[in-house]
PDB file of N, CA and C in Angstrom:
ATOM      1  N   MET A   1       0.849  -1.159   0.000  1.00  0.00           N
ATOM      2  CA  MET A   1       0.000   0.000   0.000  1.00  0.00           C
ATOM      3  C   MET A   1       0.902   1.230   0.000  1.00  0.00           C
ATOM      4  N   SER A   2       0.712   2.091  -0.981  1.00  0.00           N
ATOM      5  CA  SER A   2       1.439   3.348  -1.035  1.00  0.00           C
ATOM      6  C   SER A   2       0.684   4.399  -0.235  1.00  0.00           C
ATOM      7  N   LEU A   3       1.425   5.176   0.526  1.00  0.00           N
ATOM      8  CA  LEU A   3       0.812   6.164   1.414  1.00  0.00           C
ATOM      9  C   LEU A   3       1.459   7.521   1.219  1.00  0.00           C
ATOM     10  N   SER A   4       0.805   8.538   1.735  1.00  0.00           N
ATOM     11  CA  SER A   4       1.470   9.822   1.894  1.00  0.00           C
ATOM     12  C   SER A   4       2.147   9.787   3.256  1.00  0.00           C
ATOM     13  N   THR A   5       3.139  10.614   3.449  1.00  0.00           N
ATOM     14  CA  THR A   5       3.822  10.633   4.738  1.00  0.00           C
ATOM     15  C   THR A   5       2.857  10.927   5.885  1.00  0.00           C
ATOM     16  N   PRO A   6       1.977  11.943   5.780  1.00  0.00           N
ATOM     17  CA  PRO A   6       1.044  12.195   6.892  1.00  0.00           C
ATOM     18  C   PRO A   6       0.086  11.029   7.169  1.00  0.00           C
ATOM     19  N   SER A   7      -0.343  10.297   6.134  1.00  0.00           N
ATOM     20  CA  SER A   7      -1.306   9.208   6.356  1.00  0.00           C
ATOM     21  C   SER A   7      -0.679   7.995   7.030  1.00  0.00           C
ATOM     22  N   LEU A   8       0.641   7.911   7.038  1.00  0.00           N
ATOM     23  CA  LEU A   8       1.313   6.787   7.695  1.00  0.00           C
ATOM     24  C   LEU A   8       0.899   6.677   9.159  1.00  0.00           C
ATOM     25  N   TRP A   9       0.702   7.823   9.839  1.00  0.00           N
ATOM     26  CA  TRP A   9       0.293   7.831  11.244  1.00  0.00           C
ATOM     27  C   TRP A   9      -1.067   7.163  11.435  1.00  0.00           C
ATOM     28  N   ASP A  10      -1.959   7.277  10.444  1.00  0.00           N
ATOM     29  CA  ASP A  10      -3.299   6.700  10.555  1.00  0.00           C
ATOM     30  C   ASP A  10      -3.318   5.212  10.223  1.00  0.00           C
ATOM     31  N   ILE A  11      -2.507   4.810   9.270  1.00  0.00           N
ATOM     32  CA  ILE A  11      -2.532   3.425   8.775  1.00  0.00           C
ATOM     33  C   ILE A  11      -1.673   2.484   9.631  1.00  0.00           C
ATOM     34  N   LEU A  12      -0.582   2.978  10.155  1.00  0.00           N
ATOM     35  CA  LEU A  12       0.350   2.121  10.898  1.00  0.00           C
ATOM     36  C   LEU A  12      -0.282   1.368  12.068  1.00  0.00           C
ATOM     37  N   PRO A  13      -1.190   1.969  12.849  1.00  0.00           N
ATOM     38  CA  PRO A  13      -1.774   1.222  13.973  1.00  0.00           C
ATOM     39  C   PRO A  13      -2.564  -0.028  13.562  1.00  0.00           C
ATOM     40  N   VAL A  14      -3.055  -0.091  12.338  1.00  0.00           N
ATOM     41  CA  VAL A  14      -3.815  -1.262  11.903  1.00  0.00           C
ATOM     42  C   VAL A  14      -3.011  -2.147  10.930  1.00  0.00           C
ATOM     43  N   THR A  15      -1.714  -1.887  10.845  1.00  0.00           N
ATOM     44  CA  THR A  15      -0.836  -2.656   9.957  1.00  0.00           C
ATOM     45  C   THR A  15      -0.298  -3.874  10.703  1.00  0.00           C
ATOM     46  N   PRO A  16      -0.360  -5.059  10.091  1.00  0.00           N
ATOM     47  CA  PRO A  16       0.185  -6.243  10.771  1.00  0.00           C
ATOM     48  C   PRO A  16       1.686  -6.079  11.032  1.00  0.00           C
ATOM     49  N   ARG A  17       2.146  -6.592  12.155  1.00  0.00           N
ATOM     50  CA  ARG A  17       3.562  -6.480  12.503  1.00  0.00           C
ATOM     51  C   ARG A  17       4.454  -7.250  11.539  1.00  0.00           C
ATOM     52  N   SER A  18       3.889  -8.166  10.784  1.00  0.00           N
ATOM     53  CA  SER A  18       4.677  -8.923   9.806  1.00  0.00           C
ATOM     54  C   SER A  18       4.966  -8.099   8.544  1.00  0.00           C
ATOM     55  N   ALA A  19       4.270  -7.002   8.373  1.00  0.00           N
ATOM     56  CA  ALA A  19       4.475  -6.152   7.198  1.00  0.00           C
ATOM     57  C   ALA A  19       5.782  -5.373   7.340  1.00  0.00           C
ATOM     58  N   ARG A  20       6.322  -4.980   6.212  1.00  0.00           N
ATOM     59  CA  ARG A  20       7.522  -4.135   6.198  1.00  0.00           C
ATOM     60  C   ARG A  20       7.151  -2.755   5.698  1.00  0.00           C
ATOM     61  N   ILE A  21       7.831  -1.753   6.225  1.00  0.00           N
ATOM     62  CA  ILE A  21       7.652  -0.393   5.740  1.00  0.00           C
ATOM     63  C   ILE A  21       8.829  -0.099   4.826  1.00  0.00           C
ATOM     64  N   GLY A  22       8.525   0.124   3.564  1.00  0.00           N
ATOM     65  CA  GLY A  22       9.546   0.470   2.584  1.00  0.00           C
ATOM     66  C   GLY A  22       9.417   1.929   2.204  1.00  0.00           C
ATOM     67  N   ALA A  23      10.303   2.369   1.334  1.00  0.00           N
ATOM     68  CA  ALA A  23      10.294   3.766   0.919  1.00  0.00           C
ATOM     69  C   ALA A  23      10.528   3.880  -0.581  1.00  0.00           C
ATOM     70  N   TRP A  24       9.706   4.692  -1.210  1.00  0.00           N
ATOM     71  CA  TRP A  24       9.944   5.100  -2.595  1.00  0.00           C
ATOM     72  C   TRP A  24      10.566   6.481  -2.503  1.00  0.00           C
ATOM     73  N   VAL A  25      11.838   6.562  -2.819  1.00  0.00           N
ATOM     74  CA  VAL A  25      12.582   7.810  -2.760  1.00  0.00           C
ATOM     75  C   VAL A  25      12.552   8.441  -4.143  1.00  0.00           C
ATOM     76  N   LYS A  26      12.137   9.694  -4.177  1.00  0.00           N
ATOM     77  CA  LYS A  26      11.964  10.402  -5.452  1.00  0.00           C
ATOM     78  C   LYS A  26      13.089  11.434  -5.615  1.00  0.00           C
ATOM     79  N   PRO A  27      13.963  11.237  -6.600  1.00  0.00           N
ATOM     80  CA  PRO A  27      15.068  12.171  -6.781  1.00  0.00           C
ATOM     81  C   PRO A  27      14.606  13.573  -7.190  1.00  0.00           C
ATOM     82  N   TRP A  28      13.384  13.688  -7.625  1.00  0.00           N
ATOM     83  CA  TRP A  28      12.813  14.985  -7.972  1.00  0.00           C
ATOM     84  C   TRP A  28      11.387  15.003  -7.468  1.00  0.00           C
ATOM     85  N   SER A  29      10.989  16.112  -6.854  1.00  0.00           N
ATOM     86  CA  SER A  29       9.606  16.229  -6.403  1.00  0.00           C
ATOM     87  C   SER A  29       9.162  17.682  -6.491  1.00  0.00           C
ATOM     88  N   ASN A  30       7.863  17.880  -6.463  1.00  0.00           N
ATOM     89  CA  ASN A  30       7.306  19.230  -6.490  1.00  0.00           C
ATOM     90  C   ASN A  30       7.572  19.925  -5.165  1.00  0.00           C
ATOM     91  N   PHE A  31       7.942  21.171  -5.256  1.00  0.00           N
ATOM     92  CA  PHE A  31       8.096  21.984  -4.061  1.00  0.00           C
ATOM     93  C   PHE A  31       6.777  22.695  -3.827  1.00  0.00           C
ATOM     94  N   LYS A  32       6.268  22.591  -2.613  1.00  0.00           N
ATOM     95  CA  LYS A  32       4.982  23.202  -2.276  1.00  0.00           C
ATOM     96  C   LYS A  32       5.222  24.502  -1.516  1.00  0.00           C
ATOM     97  N   PRO A  33       4.503  25.551  -1.877  1.00  0.00           N
ATOM     98  CA  PRO A  33       4.669  26.828  -1.172  1.00  0.00           C
ATOM     99  C   PRO A  33       4.411  26.668   0.328  1.00  0.00           C
ATOM    100  N   GLY A  34       5.314  27.207   1.118  1.00  0.00           N
ATOM    101  CA  GLY A  34       5.148  27.166   2.562  1.00  0.00           C
ATOM    102  C   GLY A  34       5.596  25.867   3.222  1.00  0.00           C
ATOM    103  N   VAL A  35       6.033  24.887   2.424  1.00  0.00           N
ATOM    104  CA  VAL A  35       6.513  23.611   2.969  1.00  0.00           C
ATOM    105  C   VAL A  35       8.029  23.599   2.809  1.00  0.00           C
ATOM    106  N   GLY A  36       8.751  23.785   3.926  1.00  0.00           N
ATOM    107  CA  GLY A  36      10.207  23.870   3.872  1.00  0.00           C
ATOM    108  C   GLY A  36      10.892  22.528   3.716  1.00  0.00           C
ATOM    109  N   LEU A  37      10.317  21.493   4.312  1.00  0.00           N
ATOM    110  CA  LEU A  37      10.878  20.151   4.229  1.00  0.00           C
ATOM    111  C   LEU A  37      10.081  19.390   3.168  1.00  0.00           C
ATOM    112  N   THR A  38      10.665  19.248   2.002  1.00  0.00           N
ATOM    113  CA  THR A  38       9.967  18.701   0.834  1.00  0.00           C
ATOM    114  C   THR A  38       9.614  17.219   1.016  1.00  0.00           C
ATOM    115  N   TYR A  39       8.426  16.857   0.598  1.00  0.00           N
ATOM    116  CA  TYR A  39       7.999  15.453   0.586  1.00  0.00           C
ATOM    117  C   TYR A  39       8.635  14.786  -0.630  1.00  0.00           C
ATOM    118  N   ALA A  40       9.772  14.125  -0.433  1.00  0.00           N
ATOM    119  CA  ALA A  40      10.488  13.514  -1.540  1.00  0.00           C
ATOM    120  C   ALA A  40      10.585  11.993  -1.392  1.00  0.00           C
ATOM    121  N   TRP A  41       9.730  11.446  -0.542  1.00  0.00           N
ATOM    122  CA  TRP A  41       9.659   9.994  -0.426  1.00  0.00           C
ATOM    123  C   TRP A  41       8.217   9.613  -0.108  1.00  0.00           C
ATOM    124  N   GLU A  42       7.907   8.358  -0.356  1.00  0.00           N
ATOM    125  CA  GLU A  42       6.559   7.860  -0.106  1.00  0.00           C
ATOM    126  C   GLU A  42       6.669   6.554   0.672  1.00  0.00           C
ATOM    127  N   PRO A  43       6.014   6.457   1.836  1.00  0.00           N
ATOM    128  CA  PRO A  43       6.019   5.189   2.560  1.00  0.00           C
ATOM    129  C   PRO A  43       5.209   4.139   1.801  1.00  0.00           C
ATOM    130  N   VAL A  44       5.700   2.912   1.847  1.00  0.00           N
ATOM    131  CA  VAL A  44       5.031   1.792   1.175  1.00  0.00           C
ATOM    132  C   VAL A  44       4.971   0.631   2.158  1.00  0.00           C
ATOM    133  N   ILE A  45       3.774   0.163   2.458  1.00  0.00           N
ATOM    134  CA  ILE A  45       3.615  -1.014   3.318  1.00  0.00           C
ATOM    135  C   ILE A  45       3.646  -2.242   2.415  1.00  0.00           C
ATOM    136  N   VAL A  46       4.609  -3.109   2.684  1.00  0.00           N
ATOM    137  CA  VAL A  46       4.793  -4.323   1.886  1.00  0.00           C
ATOM    138  C   VAL A  46       4.402  -5.516   2.741  1.00  0.00           C
ATOM    139  N   SER A  47       3.456  -6.294   2.236  1.00  0.00           N
ATOM    140  CA  SER A  47       2.989  -7.464   2.964  1.00  0.00           C
ATOM    141  C   SER A  47       2.676  -8.556   1.956  1.00  0.00           C
ATOM    142  N   GLY A  48       2.787  -9.775   2.388  1.00  0.00           N
ATOM    143  CA  GLY A  48       2.471 -10.893   1.504  1.00  0.00           C
ATOM    144  C   GLY A  48       3.659 -11.301   0.649  1.00  0.00           C
ATOM    145  N   GLY A  49       3.363 -12.075  -0.353  1.00  0.00           N
ATOM    146  CA  GLY A  49       4.437 -12.591  -1.198  1.00  0.00           C
ATOM    147  C   GLY A  49       5.064 -13.824  -0.588  1.00  0.00           C
ATOM    148  N   ARG A  50       6.148 -14.240  -1.190  1.00  0.00           N
ATOM    149  CA  ARG A  50       6.849 -15.422  -0.666  1.00  0.00           C
ATOM    150  C   ARG A  50       8.223 -15.015  -0.156  1.00  0.00           C
ATOM    151  N   LYS A  51       8.726 -15.790   0.766  1.00  0.00           N
ATOM    152  CA  LYS A  51      10.025 -15.519   1.375  1.00  0.00           C
ATOM    153  C   LYS A  51      11.124 -15.566   0.309  1.00  0.00           C
ATOM    154  N   ILE A  52      12.058 -14.634   0.424  1.00  0.00           N
ATOM    155  CA  ILE A  52      13.229 -14.626  -0.454  1.00  0.00           C
ATOM    156  C   ILE A  52      14.287 -15.496   0.209  1.00  0.00           C
ATOM    157  N   THR A  53      14.720 -16.525  -0.493  1.00  0.00           N
ATOM    158  CA  THR A  53      15.697 -17.468   0.074  1.00  0.00           C
ATOM    159  C   THR A  53      17.118 -16.937  -0.093  1.00  0.00           C
ATOM    160  N   ARG A  54      18.053 -17.581   0.584  1.00  0.00           N
ATOM    161  CA  ARG A  54      19.460 -17.188   0.502  1.00  0.00           C
ATOM    162  C   ARG A  54      20.014 -17.333  -0.913  1.00  0.00           C
ATOM    163  N   SER A  55      19.446 -18.230  -1.694  1.00  0.00           N
ATOM    164  CA  SER A  55      19.953 -18.451  -3.058  1.00  0.00           C
ATOM    165  C   SER A  55      19.406 -17.421  -4.057  1.00  0.00           C
ATOM    166  N   GLU A  56      18.498 -16.562  -3.610  1.00  0.00           N
ATOM    167  CA  GLU A  56      17.902 -15.545  -4.476  1.00  0.00           C
ATOM    168  C   GLU A  56      18.479 -14.174  -4.132  1.00  0.00           C
ATOM    169  N   PRO A  57      18.491 -13.268  -5.102  1.00  0.00           N
ATOM    170  CA  PRO A  57      19.027 -11.926  -4.823  1.00  0.00           C
ATOM    171  C   PRO A  57      18.194 -11.193  -3.768  1.00  0.00           C
ATOM    172  N   SER A  58      18.894 -10.495  -2.888  1.00  0.00           N
ATOM    173  CA  SER A  58      18.223  -9.681  -1.875  1.00  0.00           C
ATOM    174  C   SER A  58      17.569  -8.472  -2.528  1.00  0.00           C
ATOM    175  N   VAL A  59      16.586  -7.912  -1.853  1.00  0.00           N
ATOM    176  CA  VAL A  59      15.868  -6.732  -2.326  1.00  0.00           C
ATOM    177  C   VAL A  59      15.940  -5.681  -1.224  1.00  0.00           C
ATOM    178  N   PHE A  60      16.338  -4.470  -1.568  1.00  0.00           N
ATOM    179  CA  PHE A  60      16.354  -3.381  -0.591  1.00  0.00           C
ATOM    180  C   PHE A  60      14.932  -3.059  -0.151  1.00  0.00           C
ATOM    181  N   ASP A  61      14.809  -2.408   1.010  1.00  0.00           N
ATOM    182  CA  ASP A  61      13.500  -1.977   1.488  1.00  0.00           C
ATOM    183  C   ASP A  61      13.174  -0.567   1.003  1.00  0.00           C
ATOM    184  N   TRP A  62      13.833  -0.132  -0.045  1.00  0.00           N
ATOM    185  CA  TRP A  62      13.575   1.170  -0.666  1.00  0.00           C
ATOM    186  C   TRP A  62      13.888   1.077  -2.154  1.00  0.00           C
ATOM    187  N   VAL A  63      13.305   2.002  -2.884  1.00  0.00           N
ATOM    188  CA  VAL A  63      13.592   2.122  -4.314  1.00  0.00           C
ATOM    189  C   VAL A  63      13.714   3.604  -4.646  1.00  0.00           C
ATOM    190  N   LYS A  64      14.643   3.923  -5.511  1.00  0.00           N
ATOM    191  CA  LYS A  64      14.814   5.303  -5.993  1.00  0.00           C
ATOM    192  C   LYS A  64      14.319   5.326  -7.427  1.00  0.00           C
ATOM    193  N   ALA A  65      13.262   6.079  -7.665  1.00  0.00           N
ATOM    194  CA  ALA A  65      12.677   6.144  -9.006  1.00  0.00           C
ATOM    195  C   ALA A  65      11.986   7.487  -9.203  1.00  0.00           C
ATOM    196  N   MET A  66      12.111   8.012 -10.397  1.00  0.00           N
ATOM    197  CA  MET A  66      11.430   9.254 -10.745  1.00  0.00           C
ATOM    198  C   MET A  66       9.920   9.021 -10.733  1.00  0.00           C
ATOM    199  N   PRO A  67       9.136  10.025 -10.337  1.00  0.00           N
ATOM    200  CA  PRO A  67       7.682   9.885 -10.413  1.00  0.00           C
ATOM    201  C   PRO A  67       7.228   9.650 -11.857  1.00  0.00           C
ATOM    202  N   ALA A  68       6.130   8.949 -12.003  1.00  0.00           N
ATOM    203  CA  ALA A  68       5.566   8.675 -13.333  1.00  0.00           C
ATOM    204  C   ALA A  68       5.112   9.979 -13.981  1.00  0.00           C
ATOM    205  N   GLN A  69       5.262  10.048 -15.264  1.00  0.00           N
ATOM    206  CA  GLN A  69       4.832  11.228 -16.026  1.00  0.00           C
ATOM    207  C   GLN A  69       3.625  10.850 -16.884  1.00  0.00           C
ATOM    208  N   LEU A  70       2.581  10.350 -16.237  1.00  0.00           N
ATOM    209  CA  LEU A  70       1.415   9.849 -16.969  1.00  0.00           C
ATOM    210  C   LEU A  70       0.224  10.790 -16.908  1.00  0.00           C
ATOM    211  N   GLY A  71       0.355  11.908 -16.210  1.00  0.00           N
ATOM    212  CA  GLY A  71      -0.759  12.840 -16.095  1.00  0.00           C
ATOM    213  C   GLY A  71      -1.903  12.308 -15.242  1.00  0.00           C
ATOM    214  N   PHE A  72      -1.600  11.361 -14.367  1.00  0.00           N
ATOM    215  CA  PHE A  72      -2.610  10.745 -13.511  1.00  0.00           C
ATOM    216  C   PHE A  72      -2.073  10.762 -12.087  1.00  0.00           C
ATOM    217  N   HIS A  73      -2.724  11.485 -11.190  1.00  0.00           N
ATOM    218  CA  HIS A  73      -2.241  11.606  -9.803  1.00  0.00           C
ATOM    219  C   HIS A  73      -2.122  10.225  -9.159  1.00  0.00           C
ATOM    220  N   GLY A  74      -0.961   9.941  -8.611  1.00  0.00           N
ATOM    221  CA  GLY A  74      -0.740   8.671  -7.933  1.00  0.00           C
ATOM    222  C   GLY A  74      -0.185   7.576  -8.820  1.00  0.00           C
ATOM    223  N   ALA A  75      -0.022   7.848 -10.118  1.00  0.00           N
ATOM    224  CA  ALA A  75       0.518   6.829 -11.027  1.00  0.00           C
ATOM    225  C   ALA A  75       1.921   6.427 -10.590  1.00  0.00           C
ATOM    226  N   LYS A  76       2.228   5.169 -10.700  1.00  0.00           N
ATOM    227  CA  LYS A  76       3.525   4.648 -10.279  1.00  0.00           C
ATOM    228  C   LYS A  76       4.403   4.360 -11.493  1.00  0.00           C
ATOM    229  N   PRO A  77       5.703   4.673 -11.373  1.00  0.00           N
ATOM    230  CA  PRO A  77       6.615   4.360 -12.471  1.00  0.00           C
ATOM    231  C   PRO A  77       6.924   2.868 -12.517  1.00  0.00           C
ATOM    232  N   GLU A  78       7.339   2.414 -13.655  1.00  0.00           N
ATOM    233  CA  GLU A  78       7.644   0.995 -13.847  1.00  0.00           C
ATOM    234  C   GLU A  78       8.688   0.495 -12.849  1.00  0.00           C
ATOM    235  N   GLU A  79       9.727   1.304 -12.569  1.00  0.00           N
ATOM    236  CA  GLU A  79      10.773   0.878 -11.629  1.00  0.00           C
ATOM    237  C   GLU A  79      10.202   0.602 -10.241  1.00  0.00           C
ATOM    238  N   PHE A  80       9.239   1.422  -9.820  1.00  0.00           N
ATOM    239  CA  PHE A  80       8.583   1.216  -8.528  1.00  0.00           C
ATOM    240  C   PHE A  80       7.866  -0.132  -8.522  1.00  0.00           C
ATOM    241  N   SER A  81       7.101  -0.387  -9.569  1.00  0.00           N
ATOM    242  CA  SER A  81       6.342  -1.641  -9.646  1.00  0.00           C
ATOM    243  C   SER A  81       7.265  -2.848  -9.665  1.00  0.00           C
ATOM    244  N   PHE A  82       8.336  -2.781 -10.462  1.00  0.00           N
ATOM    245  CA  PHE A  82       9.276  -3.899 -10.523  1.00  0.00           C
ATOM    246  C   PHE A  82       9.887  -4.166  -9.141  1.00  0.00           C
ATOM    247  N   TRP A  83      10.214  -3.102  -8.396  1.00  0.00           N
ATOM    248  CA  TRP A  83      10.758  -3.250  -7.041  1.00  0.00           C
ATOM    249  C   TRP A  83       9.761  -3.992  -6.153  1.00  0.00           C
ATOM    250  N   LEU A  84       8.507  -3.595  -6.227  1.00  0.00           N
ATOM    251  CA  LEU A  84       7.480  -4.220  -5.406  1.00  0.00           C
ATOM    252  C   LEU A  84       7.303  -5.694  -5.780  1.00  0.00           C
ATOM    253  N   PHE A  85       7.323  -5.999  -7.070  1.00  0.00           N
ATOM    254  CA  PHE A  85       7.180  -7.396  -7.498  1.00  0.00           C
ATOM    255  C   PHE A  85       8.361  -8.235  -6.995  1.00  0.00           C
ATOM    256  N   ARG A  86       9.570  -7.655  -7.013  1.00  0.00           N
ATOM    257  CA  ARG A  86      10.739  -8.379  -6.488  1.00  0.00           C
ATOM    258  C   ARG A  86      10.627  -8.548  -4.970  1.00  0.00           C
ATOM    259  N   ALA A  87      10.094  -7.528  -4.278  1.00  0.00           N
ATOM    260  CA  ALA A  87       9.916  -7.620  -2.823  1.00  0.00           C
ATOM    261  C   ALA A  87       8.943  -8.743  -2.469  1.00  0.00           C
ATOM    262  N   TRP A  88       7.939  -8.946  -3.313  1.00  0.00           N
ATOM    263  CA  TRP A  88       6.992 -10.042  -3.114  1.00  0.00           C
ATOM    264  C   TRP A  88       7.566 -11.380  -3.577  1.00  0.00           C
ATOM    265  N   ASN A  89       8.705 -11.346  -4.248  1.00  0.00           N
ATOM    266  CA  ASN A  89       9.322 -12.539  -4.836  1.00  0.00           C
ATOM    267  C   ASN A  89       8.349 -13.201  -5.815  1.00  0.00           C
ATOM    268  N   ALA A  90       7.801 -12.383  -6.692  1.00  0.00           N
ATOM    269  CA  ALA A  90       6.822 -12.857  -7.683  1.00  0.00           C
ATOM    270  C   ALA A  90       7.440 -13.899  -8.604  1.00  0.00           C
ATOM    271  N   LYS A  91       6.641 -14.870  -8.960  1.00  0.00           N
ATOM    272  CA  LYS A  91       7.067 -15.975  -9.839  1.00  0.00           C
ATOM    273  C   LYS A  91       6.057 -16.136 -10.973  1.00  0.00           C
ATOM    274  N   PRO A  92       6.479 -16.809 -12.071  1.00  0.00           N
ATOM    275  CA  PRO A  92       5.521 -17.084 -13.149  1.00  0.00           C
ATOM    276  C   PRO A  92       4.305 -17.829 -12.606  1.00  0.00           C
ATOM    277  N   GLY A  93       3.145 -17.462 -13.073  1.00  0.00           N
ATOM    278  CA  GLY A  93       1.902 -18.075 -12.622  1.00  0.00           C
ATOM    279  C   GLY A  93       1.224 -17.301 -11.503  1.00  0.00           C
ATOM    280  N   ASP A  94       1.951 -16.385 -10.850  1.00  0.00           N
ATOM    281  CA  ASP A  94       1.330 -15.551  -9.816  1.00  0.00           C
ATOM    282  C   ASP A  94       0.322 -14.609 -10.462  1.00  0.00           C
ATOM    283  N   GLU A  95      -0.622 -14.180  -9.664  1.00  0.00           N
ATOM    284  CA  GLU A  95      -1.655 -13.260 -10.134  1.00  0.00           C
ATOM    285  C   GLU A  95      -1.565 -11.955  -9.356  1.00  0.00           C
ATOM    286  N   LEU A  96      -1.682 -10.840 -10.061  1.00  0.00           N
ATOM    287  CA  LEU A  96      -1.722  -9.527  -9.435  1.00  0.00           C
ATOM    288  C   LEU A  96      -3.158  -9.024  -9.461  1.00  0.00           C
ATOM    289  N   VAL A  97      -3.661  -8.629  -8.308  1.00  0.00           N
ATOM    290  CA  VAL A  97      -4.974  -7.997  -8.225  1.00  0.00           C
ATOM    291  C   VAL A  97      -4.724  -6.554  -7.799  1.00  0.00           C
ATOM    292  N   ASP A  98      -4.858  -5.635  -8.741  1.00  0.00           N
ATOM    293  CA  ASP A  98      -4.619  -4.221  -8.486  1.00  0.00           C
ATOM    294  C   ASP A  98      -5.950  -3.591  -8.091  1.00  0.00           C
ATOM    295  N   LEU A  99      -6.083  -3.247  -6.812  1.00  0.00           N
ATOM    296  CA  LEU A  99      -7.340  -2.700  -6.313  1.00  0.00           C
ATOM    297  C   LEU A  99      -7.580  -1.260  -6.747  1.00  0.00           C
ATOM    298  N   PHE A 100      -6.522  -0.579  -7.150  1.00  0.00           N
ATOM    299  CA  PHE A 100      -6.620   0.815  -7.576  1.00  0.00           C
ATOM    300  C   PHE A 100      -6.000   0.923  -8.968  1.00  0.00           C
ATOM    301  N   THR A 101      -6.744   0.545  -9.976  1.00  0.00           N
ATOM    302  CA  THR A 101      -6.176   0.438 -11.330  1.00  0.00           C
ATOM    303  C   THR A 101      -5.750   1.779 -11.904  1.00  0.00           C
ATOM    304  N   GLY A 102      -6.396   2.864 -11.545  1.00  0.00           N
ATOM    305  CA  GLY A 102      -5.976   4.207 -11.954  1.00  0.00           C
ATOM    306  C   GLY A 102      -5.544   4.310 -13.394  1.00  0.00           C
ATOM    307  N   SER A 103      -4.269   4.616 -13.598  1.00  0.00           N
ATOM    308  CA  SER A 103      -3.722   4.813 -14.943  1.00  0.00           C
ATOM    309  C   SER A 103      -3.472   3.491 -15.664  1.00  0.00           C
ATOM    310  N   GLY A 104      -3.457   2.382 -14.923  1.00  0.00           N
ATOM    311  CA  GLY A 104      -3.146   1.081 -15.518  1.00  0.00           C
ATOM    312  C   GLY A 104      -1.658   0.785 -15.564  1.00  0.00           C
ATOM    313  N   ALA A 105      -0.834   1.698 -15.049  1.00  0.00           N
ATOM    314  CA  ALA A 105       0.623   1.544 -15.125  1.00  0.00           C
ATOM    315  C   ALA A 105       1.119   0.303 -14.386  1.00  0.00           C
ATOM    316  N   VAL A 106       0.545   0.001 -13.230  1.00  0.00           N
ATOM    317  CA  VAL A 106       1.001  -1.160 -12.458  1.00  0.00           C
ATOM    318  C   VAL A 106       0.653  -2.455 -13.198  1.00  0.00           C
ATOM    319  N   GLY A 107      -0.527  -2.516 -13.782  1.00  0.00           N
ATOM    320  CA  GLY A 107      -0.911  -3.697 -14.565  1.00  0.00           C
ATOM    321  C   GLY A 107      -0.010  -3.909 -15.775  1.00  0.00           C
ATOM    322  N   ARG A 108       0.323  -2.815 -16.457  1.00  0.00           N
ATOM    323  CA  ARG A 108       1.237  -2.926 -17.612  1.00  0.00           C
ATOM    324  C   ARG A 108       2.624  -3.373 -17.150  1.00  0.00           C
ATOM    325  N   ALA A 109       3.079  -2.845 -16.022  1.00  0.00           N
ATOM    326  CA  ALA A 109       4.384  -3.252 -15.489  1.00  0.00           C
ATOM    327  C   ALA A 109       4.361  -4.730 -15.100  1.00  0.00           C
ATOM    328  N   TRP A 110       3.239  -5.175 -14.523  1.00  0.00           N
ATOM    329  CA  TRP A 110       3.112  -6.596 -14.149  1.00  0.00           C
ATOM    330  C   TRP A 110       3.220  -7.478 -15.387  1.00  0.00           C
ATOM    331  N   ASP A 111       2.531  -7.118 -16.446  1.00  0.00           N
ATOM    332  CA  ASP A 111       2.593  -7.916 -17.678  1.00  0.00           C
ATOM    333  C   ASP A 111       4.023  -7.984 -18.205  1.00  0.00           C
ATOM    334  N   LYS A 112       4.711  -6.861 -18.192  1.00  0.00           N
ATOM    335  CA  LYS A 112       6.104  -6.815 -18.676  1.00  0.00           C
ATOM    336  C   LYS A 112       7.012  -7.635 -17.765  1.00  0.00           C
ATOM    337  N   PHE A 113       6.872  -7.449 -16.451  1.00  0.00           N
ATOM    338  CA  PHE A 113       7.681  -8.184 -15.472  1.00  0.00           C
ATOM    339  C   PHE A 113       7.427  -9.684 -15.596  1.00  0.00           C
ATOM    340  N   HIS A 114       6.173 -10.052 -15.687  1.00  0.00           N
ATOM    341  CA  HIS A 114       5.791 -11.463 -15.799  1.00  0.00           C
ATOM    342  C   HIS A 114       6.392 -12.066 -17.063  1.00  0.00           C
ATOM    343  N   GLY A 115       6.378 -11.313 -18.164  1.00  0.00           N
ATOM    344  CA  GLY A 115       6.980 -11.781 -19.411  1.00  0.00           C
ATOM    345  C   GLY A 115       8.470 -11.993 -19.275  1.00  0.00           C
ATOM    346  N   GLN A 116       9.154 -11.106 -18.534  1.00  0.00           N
ATOM    347  CA  GLN A 116      10.597 -11.253 -18.310  1.00  0.00           C
ATOM    348  C   GLN A 116      10.888 -12.473 -17.455  1.00  0.00           C
ATOM    349  N   LEU A 117      10.022 -12.749 -16.466  1.00  0.00           N
ATOM    350  CA  LEU A 117      10.206 -13.937 -15.636  1.00  0.00           C
ATOM    351  C   LEU A 117      10.093 -15.209 -16.467  1.00  0.00           C
ATOM    352  N   GLU A 118       9.097 -15.243 -17.335  1.00  0.00           N
ATOM    353  CA  GLU A 118       8.897 -16.440 -18.166  1.00  0.00           C
ATOM    354  C   GLU A 118      10.051 -16.649 -19.137  1.00  0.00           C
ATOM    355  N   MET A 119      10.598 -15.557 -19.660  1.00  0.00           N
ATOM    356  CA  MET A 119      11.733 -15.677 -20.585  1.00  0.00           C
ATOM    357  C   MET A 119      12.982 -16.164 -19.858  1.00  0.00           C
ATOM    358  N   ALA A 120      13.106 -15.852 -18.569  1.00  0.00           N
ATOM    359  CA  ALA A 120      14.288 -16.227 -17.792  1.00  0.00           C
ATOM    360  C   ALA A 120      14.307 -17.714 -17.451  1.00  0.00           C
ATOM    361  N   ILE A 121      13.149 -18.352 -17.564  1.00  0.00           N
ATOM    362  CA  ILE A 121      13.070 -19.782 -17.196  1.00  0.00           C
ATOM    363  C   ILE A 121      13.564 -20.650 -18.323  1.00  0.00           C
TER     364      ILE A 121
END
């Protein structure tokens, strides 16, 4: 679940302790008038997926990616989605249910990621 920094205070009390808090770090962000400390990261609650074994590459609990330029508020860039799929340790045959389809960017990234997984086998 992607959150705004202020909403993290509301969501965290009902978040399972097994979940991880990750960060999407944005190398560029909008500067808001009157806000001295720029919001240049987004908290991400990561839950579910399968355990990453020692024989598989580790995944950081953060990703650095430019915001999507899709003209749709909240759209996620492909790099963000790929990071999340790796954090879940997604495998061929897995299904993604995107509850907030919005721009469709996450679904398109899933199709591309899934295709790369199948080619790697």
